[in-house]
Every structure is written in structure tokens, then in C-alpha cells.
Amino acid sequence: MVVPKARPIIAAGGEPLNKIMAVTAALNDGEKLTILAPFEPVPLEAILSSQDFNHAAEKIENGNRQAVFRRRP
């Protein structure tokens, strides 16, 4: 499981998309990626769904979100 730290990047005013896309490009079939963010990453869900990923998101502590993406075999 790879967890890019999106929250600190976002808090600093940055955009974590390039880092996340680099990590997802390296995933093999069936491997998963967990993203921790201050909101549900709806645009990312759409992008990765179009690239053969399933996803599930849930609210975690302090109103943050955890989104898990798994590359379809």
C-alpha cells in the first residue's frame, strides 16, 4: 500500500495530482493506493476510474477522507 501524503501538500497550497499520478502509474494489477485528504477526491476518482481503478472513500478522523483505489486486474 502506498500512501501519498496529500493533506500536507494541499495545506501548503500545492496540488498533489502529479505525485499521485506517478504513484498510480507504478501500481501493478490488484495493487492499491490509499489517499488521505481533507475532502473526498471526487475529480481524482473520475480520473482513476477512467484508467481502470475501482475506488471506495470514507470519512475518517477530523472530517478528513480516506480514498482507496485498486487497479482492476
PDB file of N, CA and C in Angstrom:
ATOM      1  N   MET A   1       0.851  -1.179   0.000  1.00  0.00           N
ATOM      2  CA  MET A   1       0.000   0.000   0.000  1.00  0.00           C
ATOM      3  C   MET A   1       0.892   1.236   0.000  1.00  0.00           C
ATOM      4  N   VAL A   2       0.613   2.155  -0.863  1.00  0.00           N
ATOM      5  CA  VAL A   2       1.359   3.405  -0.954  1.00  0.00           C
ATOM      6  C   VAL A   2       0.424   4.520  -0.529  1.00  0.00           C
ATOM      7  N   VAL A   3       0.887   5.391   0.329  1.00  0.00           N
ATOM      8  CA  VAL A   3       0.035   6.475   0.813  1.00  0.00           C
ATOM      9  C   VAL A   3       0.700   7.824   0.535  1.00  0.00           C
ATOM     10  N   PRO A   4       0.429   8.440  -0.621  1.00  0.00           N
ATOM     11  CA  PRO A   4       0.928   9.799  -0.816  1.00  0.00           C
ATOM     12  C   PRO A   4       0.267  10.724   0.203  1.00  0.00           C
ATOM     13  N   LYS A   5       1.041  11.597   0.775  1.00  0.00           N
ATOM     14  CA  LYS A   5       0.513  12.483   1.809  1.00  0.00           C
ATOM     15  C   LYS A   5      -0.065  13.727   1.168  1.00  0.00           C
ATOM     16  N   ALA A   6      -1.307  13.621   0.747  1.00  0.00           N
ATOM     17  CA  ALA A   6      -1.971  14.726   0.062  1.00  0.00           C
ATOM     18  C   ALA A   6      -2.294  15.873   1.013  1.00  0.00           C
ATOM     19  N   ARG A   7      -2.633  15.565   2.259  1.00  0.00           N
ATOM     20  CA  ARG A   7      -3.042  16.625   3.188  1.00  0.00           C
ATOM     21  C   ARG A   7      -1.982  17.705   3.358  1.00  0.00           C
ATOM     22  N   PRO A   8      -0.700  17.368   3.620  1.00  0.00           N
ATOM     23  CA  PRO A   8       0.286  18.440   3.779  1.00  0.00           C
ATOM     24  C   PRO A   8       0.515  19.238   2.492  1.00  0.00           C
ATOM     25  N   ILE A   9       0.453  18.568   1.357  1.00  0.00           N
ATOM     26  CA  ILE A   9       0.627  19.269   0.076  1.00  0.00           C
ATOM     27  C   ILE A   9      -0.504  20.271  -0.122  1.00  0.00           C
ATOM     28  N   ILE A  10      -1.736  19.836   0.139  1.00  0.00           N
ATOM     29  CA  ILE A  10      -2.904  20.712  -0.008  1.00  0.00           C
ATOM     30  C   ILE A  10      -2.845  21.856   1.002  1.00  0.00           C
ATOM     31  N   ALA A  11      -2.466  21.536   2.253  1.00  0.00           N
ATOM     32  CA  ALA A  11      -2.388  22.564   3.299  1.00  0.00           C
ATOM     33  C   ALA A  11      -1.364  23.644   2.946  1.00  0.00           C
ATOM     34  N   ALA A  12      -0.323  23.255   2.216  1.00  0.00           N
ATOM     35  CA  ALA A  12       0.701  24.223   1.809  1.00  0.00           C
ATOM     36  C   ALA A  12       0.319  24.963   0.536  1.00  0.00           C
ATOM     37  N   GLY A  13      -0.892  24.701   0.028  1.00  0.00           N
ATOM     38  CA  GLY A  13      -1.362  25.384  -1.171  1.00  0.00           C
ATOM     39  C   GLY A  13      -0.951  24.704  -2.459  1.00  0.00           C
ATOM     40  N   GLY A  14      -0.403  23.492  -2.339  1.00  0.00           N
ATOM     41  CA  GLY A  14       0.031  22.761  -3.525  1.00  0.00           C
ATOM     42  C   GLY A  14      -1.042  21.849  -4.090  1.00  0.00           C
ATOM     43  N   GLU A  15      -0.692  21.199  -5.172  1.00  0.00           N
ATOM     44  CA  GLU A  15      -1.590  20.287  -5.874  1.00  0.00           C
ATOM     45  C   GLU A  15      -0.906  18.920  -5.937  1.00  0.00           C
ATOM     46  N   PRO A  16      -1.467  17.887  -5.281  1.00  0.00           N
ATOM     47  CA  PRO A  16      -0.810  16.577  -5.224  1.00  0.00           C
ATOM     48  C   PRO A  16      -1.050  15.680  -6.442  1.00  0.00           C
ATOM     49  N   LEU A  17      -1.770  16.153  -7.447  1.00  0.00           N
ATOM     50  CA  LEU A  17      -2.160  15.284  -8.558  1.00  0.00           C
ATOM     51  C   LEU A  17      -0.961  14.652  -9.269  1.00  0.00           C
ATOM     52  N   ASN A  18       0.076  15.417  -9.553  1.00  0.00           N
ATOM     53  CA  ASN A  18       1.224  14.848 -10.273  1.00  0.00           C
ATOM     54  C   ASN A  18       1.887  13.729  -9.480  1.00  0.00           C
ATOM     55  N   LYS A  19       2.033  13.918  -8.183  1.00  0.00           N
ATOM     56  CA  LYS A  19       2.632  12.884  -7.333  1.00  0.00           C
ATOM     57  C   LYS A  19       1.751  11.637  -7.318  1.00  0.00           C
ATOM     58  N   ILE A  20       0.447  11.831  -7.179  1.00  0.00           N
ATOM     59  CA  ILE A  20      -0.486  10.701  -7.145  1.00  0.00           C
ATOM     60  C   ILE A  20      -0.460   9.948  -8.467  1.00  0.00           C
ATOM     61  N   MET A  21      -0.446  10.667  -9.571  1.00  0.00           N
ATOM     62  CA  MET A  21      -0.436  10.002 -10.883  1.00  0.00           C
ATOM     63  C   MET A  21       0.858   9.215 -11.102  1.00  0.00           C
ATOM     64  N   ALA A  22       1.970   9.718 -10.597  1.00  0.00           N
ATOM     65  CA  ALA A  22       3.239   8.990 -10.716  1.00  0.00           C
ATOM     66  C   ALA A  22       3.182   7.686  -9.921  1.00  0.00           C
ATOM     67  N   VAL A  23       2.585   7.735  -8.745  1.00  0.00           N
ATOM     68  CA  VAL A  23       2.475   6.532  -7.923  1.00  0.00           C
ATOM     69  C   VAL A  23       1.532   5.529  -8.582  1.00  0.00           C
ATOM     70  N   THR A  24       0.391   5.985  -9.083  1.00  0.00           N
ATOM     71  CA  THR A  24      -0.569   5.056  -9.692  1.00  0.00           C
ATOM     72  C   THR A  24       0.007   4.413 -10.954  1.00  0.00           C
ATOM     73  N   ALA A  25       0.841   5.126 -11.686  1.00  0.00           N
ATOM     74  CA  ALA A  25       1.447   4.559 -12.891  1.00  0.00           C
ATOM     75  C   ALA A  25       2.339   3.369 -12.568  1.00  0.00           C
ATOM     76  N   ALA A  26       2.867   3.335 -11.356  1.00  0.00           N
ATOM     77  CA  ALA A  26       3.770   2.254 -10.955  1.00  0.00           C
ATOM     78  C   ALA A  26       3.042   1.060 -10.327  1.00  0.00           C
ATOM     79  N   LEU A  27       1.735   1.169 -10.098  1.00  0.00           N
ATOM     80  CA  LEU A  27       0.993   0.073  -9.465  1.00  0.00           C
ATOM     81  C   LEU A  27       0.742  -1.066 -10.442  1.00  0.00           C
ATOM     82  N   ASN A  28       0.844  -2.279  -9.934  1.00  0.00           N
ATOM     83  CA  ASN A  28       0.512  -3.468 -10.713  1.00  0.00           C
ATOM     84  C   ASN A  28      -0.960  -3.801 -10.539  1.00  0.00           C
ATOM     85  N   ASP A  29      -1.478  -4.693 -11.375  1.00  0.00           N
ATOM     86  CA  ASP A  29      -2.863  -5.135 -11.259  1.00  0.00           C
ATOM     87  C   ASP A  29      -3.126  -5.638  -9.847  1.00  0.00           C
ATOM     88  N   GLY A  30      -4.254  -5.214  -9.267  1.00  0.00           N
ATOM     89  CA  GLY A  30      -4.650  -5.649  -7.946  1.00  0.00           C
ATOM     90  C   GLY A  30      -4.029  -4.864  -6.808  1.00  0.00           C
ATOM     91  N   GLU A  31      -2.968  -4.098  -7.068  1.00  0.00           N
ATOM     92  CA  GLU A  31      -2.364  -3.295  -6.007  1.00  0.00           C
ATOM     93  C   GLU A  31      -3.256  -2.100  -5.709  1.00  0.00           C
ATOM     94  N   LYS A  32      -3.141  -1.592  -4.490  1.00  0.00           N
ATOM     95  CA  LYS A  32      -3.999  -0.479  -4.110  1.00  0.00           C
ATOM     96  C   LYS A  32      -3.196   0.718  -3.652  1.00  0.00           C
ATOM     97  N   LEU A  33      -3.848   1.847  -3.711  1.00  0.00           N
ATOM     98  CA  LEU A  33      -3.297   3.128  -3.312  1.00  0.00           C
ATOM     99  C   LEU A  33      -4.284   3.760  -2.348  1.00  0.00           C
ATOM    100  N   THR A  34      -3.802   4.226  -1.204  1.00  0.00           N
ATOM    101  CA  THR A  34      -4.657   4.899  -0.239  1.00  0.00           C
ATOM    102  C   THR A  34      -4.266   6.371  -0.185  1.00  0.00           C
ATOM    103  N   ILE A  35      -5.248   7.224  -0.342  1.00  0.00           N
ATOM    104  CA  ILE A  35      -5.051   8.677  -0.312  1.00  0.00           C
ATOM    105  C   ILE A  35      -5.742   9.217   0.937  1.00  0.00           C
ATOM    106  N   LEU A  36      -5.034  10.025   1.714  1.00  0.00           N
ATOM    107  CA  LEU A  36      -5.616  10.722   2.852  1.00  0.00           C
ATOM    108  C   LEU A  36      -5.706  12.188   2.477  1.00  0.00           C
ATOM    109  N   ALA A  37      -6.909  12.747   2.538  1.00  0.00           N
ATOM    110  CA  ALA A  37      -7.125  14.122   2.093  1.00  0.00           C
ATOM    111  C   ALA A  37      -8.166  14.803   2.981  1.00  0.00           C
ATOM    112  N   PRO A  38      -8.213  16.135   2.967  1.00  0.00           N
ATOM    113  CA  PRO A  38      -9.196  16.860   3.776  1.00  0.00           C
ATOM    114  C   PRO A  38     -10.594  16.871   3.152  1.00  0.00           C
ATOM    115  N   PHE A  39     -10.759  16.232   1.996  1.00  0.00           N
ATOM    116  CA  PHE A  39     -12.058  16.178   1.321  1.00  0.00           C
ATOM    117  C   PHE A  39     -12.075  14.920   0.455  1.00  0.00           C
ATOM    118  N   GLU A  40     -13.254  14.492   0.026  1.00  0.00           N
ATOM    119  CA  GLU A  40     -13.320  13.348  -0.878  1.00  0.00           C
ATOM    120  C   GLU A  40     -12.789  13.771  -2.244  1.00  0.00           C
ATOM    121  N   PRO A  41     -11.818  13.052  -2.771  1.00  0.00           N
ATOM    122  CA  PRO A  41     -11.180  13.453  -4.027  1.00  0.00           C
ATOM    123  C   PRO A  41     -12.000  13.055  -5.255  1.00  0.00           C
ATOM    124  N   VAL A  42     -13.150  13.678  -5.408  1.00  0.00           N
ATOM    125  CA  VAL A  42     -14.077  13.328  -6.490  1.00  0.00           C
ATOM    126  C   VAL A  42     -13.439  13.450  -7.878  1.00  0.00           C
ATOM    127  N   PRO A  43     -12.727  14.531  -8.193  1.00  0.00           N
ATOM    128  CA  PRO A  43     -12.093  14.591  -9.523  1.00  0.00           C
ATOM    129  C   PRO A  43     -11.080  13.457  -9.737  1.00  0.00           C
ATOM    130  N   LEU A  44     -10.315  13.122  -8.698  1.00  0.00           N
ATOM    131  CA  LEU A  44      -9.351  12.035  -8.797  1.00  0.00           C
ATOM    132  C   LEU A  44     -10.073  10.699  -9.002  1.00  0.00           C
ATOM    133  N   GLU A  45     -11.197  10.518  -8.335  1.00  0.00           N
ATOM    134  CA  GLU A  45     -11.988   9.293  -8.517  1.00  0.00           C
ATOM    135  C   GLU A  45     -12.388   9.140  -9.979  1.00  0.00           C
ATOM    136  N   ALA A  46     -12.807  10.217 -10.608  1.00  0.00           N
ATOM    137  CA  ALA A  46     -13.204  10.159 -12.020  1.00  0.00           C
ATOM    138  C   ALA A  46     -12.013   9.856 -12.923  1.00  0.00           C
ATOM    139  N   ILE A  47     -10.886  10.514 -12.653  1.00  0.00           N
ATOM    140  CA  ILE A  47      -9.688  10.288 -13.477  1.00  0.00           C
ATOM    141  C   ILE A  47      -9.242   8.836 -13.382  1.00  0.00           C
ATOM    142  N   LEU A  48      -9.130   8.326 -12.156  1.00  0.00           N
ATOM    143  CA  LEU A  48      -8.619   6.961 -11.991  1.00  0.00           C
ATOM    144  C   LEU A  48      -9.646   5.905 -12.411  1.00  0.00           C
ATOM    145  N   SER A  49     -10.924   6.197 -12.289  1.00  0.00           N
ATOM    146  CA  SER A  49     -11.940   5.256 -12.793  1.00  0.00           C
ATOM    147  C   SER A  49     -11.791   5.053 -14.288  1.00  0.00           C
ATOM    148  N   SER A  50     -11.440   6.119 -14.996  1.00  0.00           N
ATOM    149  CA  SER A  50     -11.258   6.016 -16.445  1.00  0.00           C
ATOM    150  C   SER A  50      -9.966   5.279 -16.804  1.00  0.00           C
ATOM    151  N   GLN A  51      -9.107   5.048 -15.790  1.00  0.00           N
ATOM    152  CA  GLN A  51      -7.846   4.341 -16.015  1.00  0.00           C
ATOM    153  C   GLN A  51      -7.855   2.963 -15.352  1.00  0.00           C
ATOM    154  N   ASP A  52      -9.035   2.370 -15.263  1.00  0.00           N
ATOM    155  CA  ASP A  52      -9.202   1.005 -14.736  1.00  0.00           C
ATOM    156  C   ASP A  52      -8.916   0.846 -13.251  1.00  0.00           C
ATOM    157  N   PHE A  53      -9.335   1.816 -12.445  1.00  0.00           N
ATOM    158  CA  PHE A  53      -9.246   1.698 -10.996  1.00  0.00           C
ATOM    159  C   PHE A  53     -10.655   1.679 -10.407  1.00  0.00           C
ATOM    160  N   ASN A  54     -10.846   0.827  -9.397  1.00  0.00           N
ATOM    161  CA  ASN A  54     -12.033   0.891  -8.549  1.00  0.00           C
ATOM    162  C   ASN A  54     -11.664   1.765  -7.364  1.00  0.00           C
ATOM    163  N   HIS A  55     -12.658   2.327  -6.684  1.00  0.00           N
ATOM    164  CA  HIS A  55     -12.356   3.137  -5.515  1.00  0.00           C
ATOM    165  C   HIS A  55     -13.466   3.052  -4.477  1.00  0.00           C
ATOM    166  N   ALA A  56     -13.080   3.352  -3.252  1.00  0.00           N
ATOM    167  CA  ALA A  56     -14.014   3.475  -2.139  1.00  0.00           C
ATOM    168  C   ALA A  56     -13.477   4.590  -1.248  1.00  0.00           C
ATOM    169  N   ALA A  57     -14.369   5.445  -0.765  1.00  0.00           N
ATOM    170  CA  ALA A  57     -13.950   6.548   0.101  1.00  0.00           C
ATOM    171  C   ALA A  57     -14.771   6.518   1.378  1.00  0.00           C
ATOM    172  N   GLU A  58     -14.145   6.949   2.466  1.00  0.00           N
ATOM    173  CA  GLU A  58     -14.857   7.023   3.735  1.00  0.00           C
ATOM    174  C   GLU A  58     -14.343   8.197   4.550  1.00  0.00           C
ATOM    175  N   LYS A  59     -15.220   8.706   5.409  1.00  0.00           N
ATOM    176  CA  LYS A  59     -14.841   9.792   6.308  1.00  0.00           C
ATOM    177  C   LYS A  59     -14.038   9.176   7.451  1.00  0.00           C
ATOM    178  N   ILE A  60     -12.943   9.836   7.807  1.00  0.00           N
ATOM    179  CA  ILE A  60     -12.133   9.397   8.941  1.00  0.00           C
ATOM    180  C   ILE A  60     -12.047  10.543   9.938  1.00  0.00           C
ATOM    181  N   GLU A  61     -11.089  10.503  10.847  1.00  0.00           N
ATOM    182  CA  GLU A  61     -10.999  11.483  11.924  1.00  0.00           C
ATOM    183  C   GLU A  61     -10.947  12.925  11.428  1.00  0.00           C
ATOM    184  N   ASN A  62     -11.491  13.793  12.237  1.00  0.00           N
ATOM    185  CA  ASN A  62     -11.459  15.246  11.987  1.00  0.00           C
ATOM    186  C   ASN A  62     -12.043  15.665  10.643  1.00  0.00           C
ATOM    187  N   GLY A  63     -12.986  14.897  10.101  1.00  0.00           N
ATOM    188  CA  GLY A  63     -13.628  15.260   8.846  1.00  0.00           C
ATOM    189  C   GLY A  63     -12.802  14.975   7.610  1.00  0.00           C
ATOM    190  N   ASN A  64     -11.622  14.378   7.785  1.00  0.00           N
ATOM    191  CA  ASN A  64     -10.797  14.023   6.638  1.00  0.00           C
ATOM    192  C   ASN A  64     -11.392  12.822   5.921  1.00  0.00           C
ATOM    193  N   ARG A  65     -10.860  12.518   4.759  1.00  0.00           N
ATOM    194  CA  ARG A  65     -11.332  11.389   3.952  1.00  0.00           C
ATOM    195  C   ARG A  65     -10.174  10.453   3.645  1.00  0.00           C
ATOM    196  N   GLN A  66     -10.516   9.188   3.547  1.00  0.00           N
ATOM    197  CA  GLN A  66      -9.571   8.172   3.088  1.00  0.00           C
ATOM    198  C   GLN A  66     -10.183   7.560   1.835  1.00  0.00           C
ATOM    199  N   ALA A  67      -9.452   7.607   0.755  1.00  0.00           N
ATOM    200  CA  ALA A  67      -9.918   7.016  -0.504  1.00  0.00           C
ATOM    201  C   ALA A  67      -8.935   5.912  -0.893  1.00  0.00           C
ATOM    202  N   VAL A  68      -9.479   4.738  -1.176  1.00  0.00           N
ATOM    203  CA  VAL A  68      -8.653   3.596  -1.559  1.00  0.00           C
ATOM    204  C   VAL A  68      -8.954   3.288  -3.022  1.00  0.00           C
ATOM    205  N   PHE A  69      -7.899   3.240  -3.814  1.00  0.00           N
ATOM    206  CA  PHE A  69      -8.001   2.939  -5.241  1.00  0.00           C
ATOM    207  C   PHE A  69      -7.289   1.623  -5.514  1.00  0.00           C
ATOM    208  N   ARG A  70      -7.929   0.734  -6.259  1.00  0.00           N
ATOM    209  CA  ARG A  70      -7.321  -0.545  -6.594  1.00  0.00           C
ATOM    210  C   ARG A  70      -7.374  -0.712  -8.105  1.00  0.00           C
ATOM    211  N   ARG A  71      -6.202  -1.018  -8.695  1.00  0.00           N
ATOM    212  CA  ARG A  71      -6.154  -1.241 -10.133  1.00  0.00           C
ATOM    213  C   ARG A  71      -6.878  -2.547 -10.448  1.00  0.00           C
ATOM    214  N   ARG A  72      -7.792  -2.468 -11.404  1.00  0.00           N
ATOM    215  CA  ARG A  72      -8.524  -3.672 -11.816  1.00  0.00           C
ATOM    216  C   ARG A  72      -7.575  -4.654 -12.508  1.00  0.00           C
ATOM    217  N   PRO A  73      -7.718  -5.931 -12.199  1.00  0.00           N
ATOM    218  CA  PRO A  73      -6.864  -6.924 -12.865  1.00  0.00           C
ATOM    219  C   PRO A  73      -7.213  -7.073 -14.336  1.00  0.00           C
TER     220      PRO A  73
END
